[in-house]
PDB file of all heavy atoms in Angstrom:
ATOM      1  N   LEU A   1       2.710  17.249  81.908  1.00  0.00           N
ATOM      2  CA  LEU A   1       1.586  18.167  81.707  1.00  0.00           C
ATOM      3  C   LEU A   1       1.058  18.077  80.277  1.00  0.00           C
ATOM      4  O   LEU A   1      -0.158  18.016  80.052  1.00  0.00           O
ATOM      5  CB  LEU A   1       2.005  19.605  82.036  1.00  0.00           C
ATOM      6  CG  LEU A   1       2.280  19.872  83.513  1.00  0.00           C
ATOM      7  CD1 LEU A   1       3.035  21.178  83.693  1.00  0.00           C
ATOM      8  CD2 LEU A   1       0.982  19.887  84.311  1.00  0.00           C
ATOM      9  N   MET A   2       1.959  18.070  79.306  1.00  0.00           N
ATOM     10  CA  MET A   2       1.518  17.957  77.903  1.00  0.00           C
ATOM     11  C   MET A   2       0.834  16.624  77.656  1.00  0.00           C
ATOM     12  O   MET A   2      -0.164  16.575  76.930  1.00  0.00           O
ATOM     13  CB  MET A   2       2.709  18.125  76.959  1.00  0.00           C
ATOM     14  CG  MET A   2       3.176  19.548  76.806  1.00  0.00           C
ATOM     15  SD  MET A   2       1.920  20.687  76.171  1.00  0.00           S
ATOM     16  CE  MET A   2       1.712  20.078  74.522  1.00  0.00           C
ATOM     17  N   ASP A   3       1.338  15.557  78.248  1.00  0.00           N
ATOM     18  CA  ASP A   3       0.714  14.245  78.061  1.00  0.00           C
ATOM     19  C   ASP A   3      -0.737  14.255  78.520  1.00  0.00           C
ATOM     20  O   ASP A   3      -1.613  13.759  77.809  1.00  0.00           O
ATOM     21  CB  ASP A   3       1.486  13.158  78.826  1.00  0.00           C
ATOM     22  CG  ASP A   3       2.785  12.764  78.153  1.00  0.00           C
ATOM     23  OD1 ASP A   3       3.030  13.172  77.000  1.00  0.00           O
ATOM     24  OD2 ASP A   3       3.578  12.040  78.801  1.00  0.00           O
ATOM     25  N   ILE A   4      -1.008  14.839  79.694  1.00  0.00           N
ATOM     26  CA  ILE A   4      -2.381  14.840  80.195  1.00  0.00           C
ATOM     27  C   ILE A   4      -3.284  15.683  79.307  1.00  0.00           C
ATOM     28  O   ILE A   4      -4.419  15.310  79.030  1.00  0.00           O
ATOM     29  CB  ILE A   4      -2.462  15.275  81.687  1.00  0.00           C
ATOM     30  CG1 ILE A   4      -3.839  14.959  82.280  1.00  0.00           C
ATOM     31  CG2 ILE A   4      -2.182  16.743  81.884  1.00  0.00           C
ATOM     32  CD1 ILE A   4      -4.072  13.541  82.604  1.00  0.00           C
ATOM     33  N   ALA A   5      -2.792  16.825  78.840  1.00  0.00           N
ATOM     34  CA  ALA A   5      -3.604  17.701  78.002  1.00  0.00           C
ATOM     35  C   ALA A   5      -3.892  17.066  76.634  1.00  0.00           C
ATOM     36  O   ALA A   5      -5.027  17.101  76.152  1.00  0.00           O
ATOM     37  CB  ALA A   5      -2.924  19.054  77.827  1.00  0.00           C
ATOM     38  N   ILE A   6      -2.885  16.468  76.027  1.00  0.00           N
ATOM     39  CA  ILE A   6      -3.085  15.843  74.711  1.00  0.00           C
ATOM     40  C   ILE A   6      -3.974  14.612  74.834  1.00  0.00           C
ATOM     41  O   ILE A   6      -4.856  14.385  73.991  1.00  0.00           O
ATOM     42  CB  ILE A   6      -1.730  15.513  74.051  1.00  0.00           C
ATOM     43  CG1 ILE A   6      -1.018  16.834  73.671  1.00  0.00           C
ATOM     44  CG2 ILE A   6      -1.916  14.633  72.821  1.00  0.00           C
ATOM     45  CD1 ILE A   6       0.420  16.660  73.224  1.00  0.00           C
ATOM     46  N   ASN A   7      -3.794  13.820  75.870  1.00  0.00           N
ATOM     47  CA  ASN A   7      -4.673  12.665  76.078  1.00  0.00           C
ATOM     48  C   ASN A   7      -6.118  13.105  76.280  1.00  0.00           C
ATOM     49  O   ASN A   7      -7.048  12.470  75.766  1.00  0.00           O
ATOM     50  CB  ASN A   7      -4.188  11.819  77.257  1.00  0.00           C
ATOM     51  CG  ASN A   7      -2.941  11.035  76.921  1.00  0.00           C
ATOM     52  OD1 ASN A   7      -2.641  10.773  75.751  1.00  0.00           O
ATOM     53  ND2 ASN A   7      -2.174  10.674  77.935  1.00  0.00           N
ATOM     54  N   TYR A   8      -6.321  14.179  77.031  1.00  0.00           N
ATOM     55  CA  TYR A   8      -7.667  14.725  77.216  1.00  0.00           C
ATOM     56  C   TYR A   8      -8.243  15.162  75.859  1.00  0.00           C
ATOM     57  O   TYR A   8      -9.407  14.885  75.557  1.00  0.00           O
ATOM     58  CB  TYR A   8      -7.608  15.915  78.184  1.00  0.00           C
ATOM     59  CG  TYR A   8      -8.912  16.627  78.368  1.00  0.00           C
ATOM     60  CD1 TYR A   8      -9.837  16.216  79.324  1.00  0.00           C
ATOM     61  CD2 TYR A   8      -9.233  17.738  77.593  1.00  0.00           C
ATOM     62  CE1 TYR A   8     -11.036  16.882  79.495  1.00  0.00           C
ATOM     63  CE2 TYR A   8     -10.436  18.415  77.761  1.00  0.00           C
ATOM     64  CZ  TYR A   8     -11.330  17.981  78.709  1.00  0.00           C
ATOM     65  OH  TYR A   8     -12.522  18.647  78.870  1.00  0.00           O
ATOM     66  N   ALA A   9      -7.443  15.837  75.054  1.00  0.00           N
ATOM     67  CA  ALA A   9      -7.901  16.299  73.738  1.00  0.00           C
ATOM     68  C   ALA A   9      -8.321  15.119  72.863  1.00  0.00           C
ATOM     69  O   ALA A   9      -9.341  15.184  72.165  1.00  0.00           O
ATOM     70  CB  ALA A   9      -6.813  17.110  73.055  1.00  0.00           C
ATOM     71  N   ARG A  10      -7.556  14.055  72.906  1.00  0.00           N
ATOM     72  CA  ARG A  10      -7.917  12.861  72.123  1.00  0.00           C
ATOM     73  C   ARG A  10      -9.205  12.231  72.658  1.00  0.00           C
ATOM     74  O   ARG A  10     -10.084  11.848  71.887  1.00  0.00           O
ATOM     75  CB  ARG A  10      -6.778  11.857  72.170  1.00  0.00           C
ATOM     76  CG  ARG A  10      -5.622  12.233  71.280  1.00  0.00           C
ATOM     77  CD  ARG A  10      -4.632  11.076  71.101  1.00  0.00           C
ATOM     78  NE  ARG A  10      -3.652  11.436  70.107  1.00  0.00           N
ATOM     79  CZ  ARG A  10      -2.401  11.793  70.379  1.00  0.00           C
ATOM     80  NH1 ARG A  10      -1.968  11.788  71.630  1.00  0.00           N
ATOM     81  NH2 ARG A  10      -1.577  12.121  69.409  1.00  0.00           N
ATOM     82  N   GLN A  11      -9.291  12.128  73.969  1.00  0.00           N
ATOM     83  CA  GLN A  11     -10.475  11.545  74.604  1.00  0.00           C
ATOM     84  C   GLN A  11     -11.738  12.341  74.257  1.00  0.00           C
ATOM     85  O   GLN A  11     -12.805  11.766  74.028  1.00  0.00           O
ATOM     86  CB  GLN A  11     -10.274  11.528  76.117  1.00  0.00           C
ATOM     87  CG  GLN A  11     -11.459  11.100  76.923  1.00  0.00           C
ATOM     88  CD  GLN A  11     -11.208  11.328  78.420  1.00  0.00           C
ATOM     89  OE1 GLN A  11     -10.104  11.164  78.913  1.00  0.00           O
ATOM     90  NE2 GLN A  11     -12.249  11.713  79.129  1.00  0.00           N
ATOM     91  N   GLU A  12     -11.603  13.667  74.228  1.00  0.00           N
ATOM     92  CA  GLU A  12     -12.741  14.539  73.912  1.00  0.00           C
ATOM     93  C   GLU A  12     -12.957  14.691  72.410  1.00  0.00           C
ATOM     94  O   GLU A  12     -13.842  15.433  71.985  1.00  0.00           O
ATOM     95  CB  GLU A  12     -12.535  15.912  74.562  1.00  0.00           C
ATOM     96  CG  GLU A  12     -12.519  15.860  76.081  1.00  0.00           C
ATOM     97  CD  GLU A  12     -13.828  15.359  76.671  1.00  0.00           C
ATOM     98  OE1 GLU A  12     -14.902  15.836  76.248  1.00  0.00           O
ATOM     99  OE2 GLU A  12     -13.770  14.474  77.560  1.00  0.00           O
ATOM    100  N   LYS A  13     -12.126  14.021  71.623  1.00  0.00           N
ATOM    101  CA  LYS A  13     -12.244  13.977  70.170  1.00  0.00           C
ATOM    102  C   LYS A  13     -12.094  15.344  69.491  1.00  0.00           C
ATOM    103  O   LYS A  13     -12.789  15.651  68.517  1.00  0.00           O
ATOM    104  CB  LYS A  13     -13.533  13.281  69.756  1.00  0.00           C
ATOM    105  CG  LYS A  13     -13.644  11.879  70.330  1.00  0.00           C
ATOM    106  CD  LYS A  13     -14.568  11.005  69.564  1.00  0.00           C
ATOM    107  CE  LYS A  13     -14.718   9.617  70.092  1.00  0.00           C
ATOM    108  NZ  LYS A  13     -13.717   8.984  70.835  1.00  0.00           N
ATOM    109  N   PHE A  14     -11.167  16.146  70.010  1.00  0.00           N
ATOM    110  CA  PHE A  14     -10.843  17.400  69.330  1.00  0.00           C
ATOM    111  C   PHE A  14     -10.116  17.076  68.034  1.00  0.00           C
ATOM    112  O   PHE A  14      -9.343  16.114  67.972  1.00  0.00           O
ATOM    113  CB  PHE A  14      -9.949  18.287  70.211  1.00  0.00           C
ATOM    114  CG  PHE A  14     -10.700  18.948  71.331  1.00  0.00           C
ATOM    115  CD1 PHE A  14     -10.526  18.529  72.636  1.00  0.00           C
ATOM    116  CD2 PHE A  14     -11.580  19.994  71.080  1.00  0.00           C
ATOM    117  CE1 PHE A  14     -11.212  19.133  73.678  1.00  0.00           C
ATOM    118  CE2 PHE A  14     -12.278  20.600  72.108  1.00  0.00           C
ATOM    119  CZ  PHE A  14     -12.092  20.175  73.409  1.00  0.00           C
ATOM    120  N   ASN A  15     -10.359  17.862  66.995  1.00  0.00           N
ATOM    121  CA  ASN A  15      -9.686  17.672  65.716  1.00  0.00           C
ATOM    122  C   ASN A  15      -8.301  18.305  65.706  1.00  0.00           C
ATOM    123  O   ASN A  15      -7.368  17.764  65.105  1.00  0.00           O
ATOM    124  CB  ASN A  15     -10.521  18.255  64.572  1.00  0.00           C
ATOM    125  CG  ASN A  15     -11.800  17.473  64.382  1.00  0.00           C
ATOM    126  OD1 ASN A  15     -11.805  16.255  64.421  1.00  0.00           O
ATOM    127  ND2 ASN A  15     -12.897  18.179  64.186  1.00  0.00           N
ATOM    128  N   LYS A  16      -8.198  19.479  66.338  1.00  0.00           N
ATOM    129  CA  LYS A  16      -6.927  20.186  66.402  1.00  0.00           C
ATOM    130  C   LYS A  16      -6.781  20.832  67.767  1.00  0.00           C
ATOM    131  O   LYS A  16      -7.759  21.198  68.399  1.00  0.00           O
ATOM    132  CB  LYS A  16      -6.843  21.282  65.332  1.00  0.00           C
ATOM    133  CG  LYS A  16      -6.777  20.754  63.919  1.00  0.00           C
ATOM    134  CD  LYS A  16      -6.624  21.882  62.917  1.00  0.00           C
ATOM    135  CE  LYS A  16      -6.560  21.292  61.516  1.00  0.00           C
ATOM    136  NZ  LYS A  16      -6.363  22.345  60.509  1.00  0.00           N
ATOM    137  N   VAL A  17      -5.521  20.967  68.173  1.00  0.00           N
ATOM    138  CA  VAL A  17      -5.195  21.677  69.405  1.00  0.00           C
ATOM    139  C   VAL A  17      -4.195  22.772  69.037  1.00  0.00           C
ATOM    140  O   VAL A  17      -3.189  22.499  68.382  1.00  0.00           O
ATOM    141  CB  VAL A  17      -4.580  20.742  70.464  1.00  0.00           C
ATOM    142  CG1 VAL A  17      -4.243  21.520  71.727  1.00  0.00           C
ATOM    143  CG2 VAL A  17      -5.520  19.591  70.778  1.00  0.00           C
ATOM    144  N   PHE A  18      -4.501  23.983  69.448  1.00  0.00           N
ATOM    145  CA  PHE A  18      -3.650  25.133  69.168  1.00  0.00           C
ATOM    146  C   PHE A  18      -2.932  25.575  70.433  1.00  0.00           C
ATOM    147  O   PHE A  18      -3.355  25.258  71.546  1.00  0.00           O
ATOM    148  CB  PHE A  18      -4.497  26.302  68.644  1.00  0.00           C
ATOM    149  CG  PHE A  18      -5.073  26.062  67.275  1.00  0.00           C
ATOM    150  CD1 PHE A  18      -6.258  25.355  67.113  1.00  0.00           C
ATOM    151  CD2 PHE A  18      -4.428  26.545  66.150  1.00  0.00           C
ATOM    152  CE1 PHE A  18      -6.785  25.128  65.866  1.00  0.00           C
ATOM    153  CE2 PHE A  18      -4.949  26.320  64.881  1.00  0.00           C
ATOM    154  CZ  PHE A  18      -6.132  25.618  64.738  1.00  0.00           C
ATOM    155  N   ALA A  19      -1.861  26.336  70.256  1.00  0.00           N
ATOM    156  CA  ALA A  19      -1.132  26.937  71.371  1.00  0.00           C
ATOM    157  C   ALA A  19      -0.406  28.167  70.844  1.00  0.00           C
ATOM    158  O   ALA A  19      -0.033  28.219  69.666  1.00  0.00           O
ATOM    159  CB  ALA A  19      -0.134  25.956  71.967  1.00  0.00           C
ATOM    160  N   ASP A  20      -0.247  29.142  71.714  1.00  0.00           N
ATOM    161  CA  ASP A  20       0.545  30.310  71.339  1.00  0.00           C
ATOM    162  C   ASP A  20       1.620  30.536  72.389  1.00  0.00           C
ATOM    163  O   ASP A  20       1.530  30.039  73.507  1.00  0.00           O
ATOM    164  CB  ASP A  20      -0.326  31.552  71.146  1.00  0.00           C
ATOM    165  CG  ASP A  20      -1.019  32.023  72.419  1.00  0.00           C
ATOM    166  OD1 ASP A  20      -0.498  31.825  73.534  1.00  0.00           O
ATOM    167  OD2 ASP A  20      -2.108  32.618  72.300  1.00  0.00           O
ATOM    168  N   THR A  21       2.656  31.261  71.994  1.00  0.00           N
ATOM    169  CA  THR A  21       3.744  31.580  72.912  1.00  0.00           C
ATOM    170  C   THR A  21       4.488  32.791  72.387  1.00  0.00           C
ATOM    171  O   THR A  21       4.091  33.390  71.385  1.00  0.00           O
ATOM    172  CB  THR A  21       4.683  30.359  73.120  1.00  0.00           C
ATOM    173  OG1 THR A  21       5.546  30.622  74.220  1.00  0.00           O
ATOM    174  CG2 THR A  21       5.478  30.030  71.881  1.00  0.00           C
ATOM    175  N   ARG A  22       5.542  33.119  73.077  1.00  0.00           N
ATOM    176  CA  ARG A  22       6.365  34.272  72.700  1.00  0.00           C
ATOM    177  C   ARG A  22       7.698  33.783  72.139  1.00  0.00           C
ATOM    178  O   ARG A  22       8.122  32.656  72.412  1.00  0.00           O
ATOM    179  CB  ARG A  22       6.595  35.157  73.927  1.00  0.00           C
ATOM    180  CG  ARG A  22       5.321  35.739  74.502  1.00  0.00           C
ATOM    181  CD  ARG A  22       5.538  36.369  75.855  1.00  0.00           C
ATOM    182  NE  ARG A  22       6.678  37.251  75.898  1.00  0.00           N
ATOM    183  CZ  ARG A  22       6.600  38.582  75.777  1.00  0.00           C
ATOM    184  NH1 ARG A  22       5.430  39.157  75.630  1.00  0.00           N
ATOM    185  NH2 ARG A  22       7.691  39.325  75.823  1.00  0.00           N
ATOM    186  N   LEU A  23       8.366  34.643  71.397  1.00  0.00           N
ATOM    187  CA  LEU A  23       9.659  34.287  70.814  1.00  0.00           C
ATOM    188  C   LEU A  23      10.702  33.951  71.868  1.00  0.00           C
ATOM    189  O   LEU A  23      11.545  33.076  71.659  1.00  0.00           O
ATOM    190  CB  LEU A  23      10.171  35.430  69.925  1.00  0.00           C
ATOM    191  CG  LEU A  23       9.398  35.653  68.627  1.00  0.00           C
ATOM    192  CD1 LEU A  23       9.814  36.969  67.977  1.00  0.00           C
ATOM    193  CD2 LEU A  23       9.592  34.496  67.671  1.00  0.00           C
ATOM    194  N   ASP A  24      10.640  34.626  73.019  1.00  0.00           N
ATOM    195  CA  ASP A  24      11.643  34.401  74.055  1.00  0.00           C
ATOM    196  C   ASP A  24      11.351  33.180  74.923  1.00  0.00           C
ATOM    197  O   ASP A  24      12.126  32.850  75.804  1.00  0.00           O
ATOM    198  CB  ASP A  24      11.809  35.645  74.935  1.00  0.00           C
ATOM    199  CG  ASP A  24      10.537  36.046  75.669  1.00  0.00           C
ATOM    200  OD1 ASP A  24       9.450  35.508  75.365  1.00  0.00           O
ATOM    201  OD2 ASP A  24      10.629  36.929  76.540  1.00  0.00           O
ATOM    202  N   ARG A  25      10.270  32.482  74.685  1.00  0.00           N
ATOM    203  CA  ARG A  25       9.895  31.301  75.463  1.00  0.00           C
ATOM    204  C   ARG A  25      10.390  30.033  74.774  1.00  0.00           C
ATOM    205  O   ARG A  25       9.620  29.214  74.292  1.00  0.00           O
ATOM    206  CB  ARG A  25       8.377  31.246  75.670  1.00  0.00           C
ATOM    207  CG  ARG A  25       7.772  32.542  76.177  1.00  0.00           C
ATOM    208  CD  ARG A  25       8.458  33.028  77.449  1.00  0.00           C
ATOM    209  NE  ARG A  25       8.173  32.161  78.548  1.00  0.00           N
ATOM    210  CZ  ARG A  25       7.135  32.281  79.344  1.00  0.00           C
ATOM    211  NH1 ARG A  25       6.318  33.269  79.198  1.00  0.00           N
ATOM    212  NH2 ARG A  25       6.954  31.417  80.308  1.00  0.00           N
ATOM    213  N   LYS A  26      11.702  29.878  74.736  1.00  0.00           N
ATOM    214  CA  LYS A  26      12.342  28.769  74.010  1.00  0.00           C
ATOM    215  C   LYS A  26      11.942  27.401  74.567  1.00  0.00           C
ATOM    216  O   LYS A  26      11.750  26.456  73.806  1.00  0.00           O
ATOM    217  CB  LYS A  26      13.872  28.920  74.033  1.00  0.00           C
ATOM    218  CG  LYS A  26      14.374  30.219  73.428  1.00  0.00           C
ATOM    219  CD  LYS A  26      14.066  30.307  71.967  1.00  0.00           C
ATOM    220  CE  LYS A  26      14.677  31.571  71.380  1.00  0.00           C
ATOM    221  NZ  LYS A  26      14.157  31.891  70.081  1.00  0.00           N
TER     222      LYS A  26
END
């Protein structure tokens, strides 16, 4: 899943990709 999302971000020429999560989501 991460591979497809990051490849899409590169293809679309995004400069940065952000993500948020919770402390308990190890």
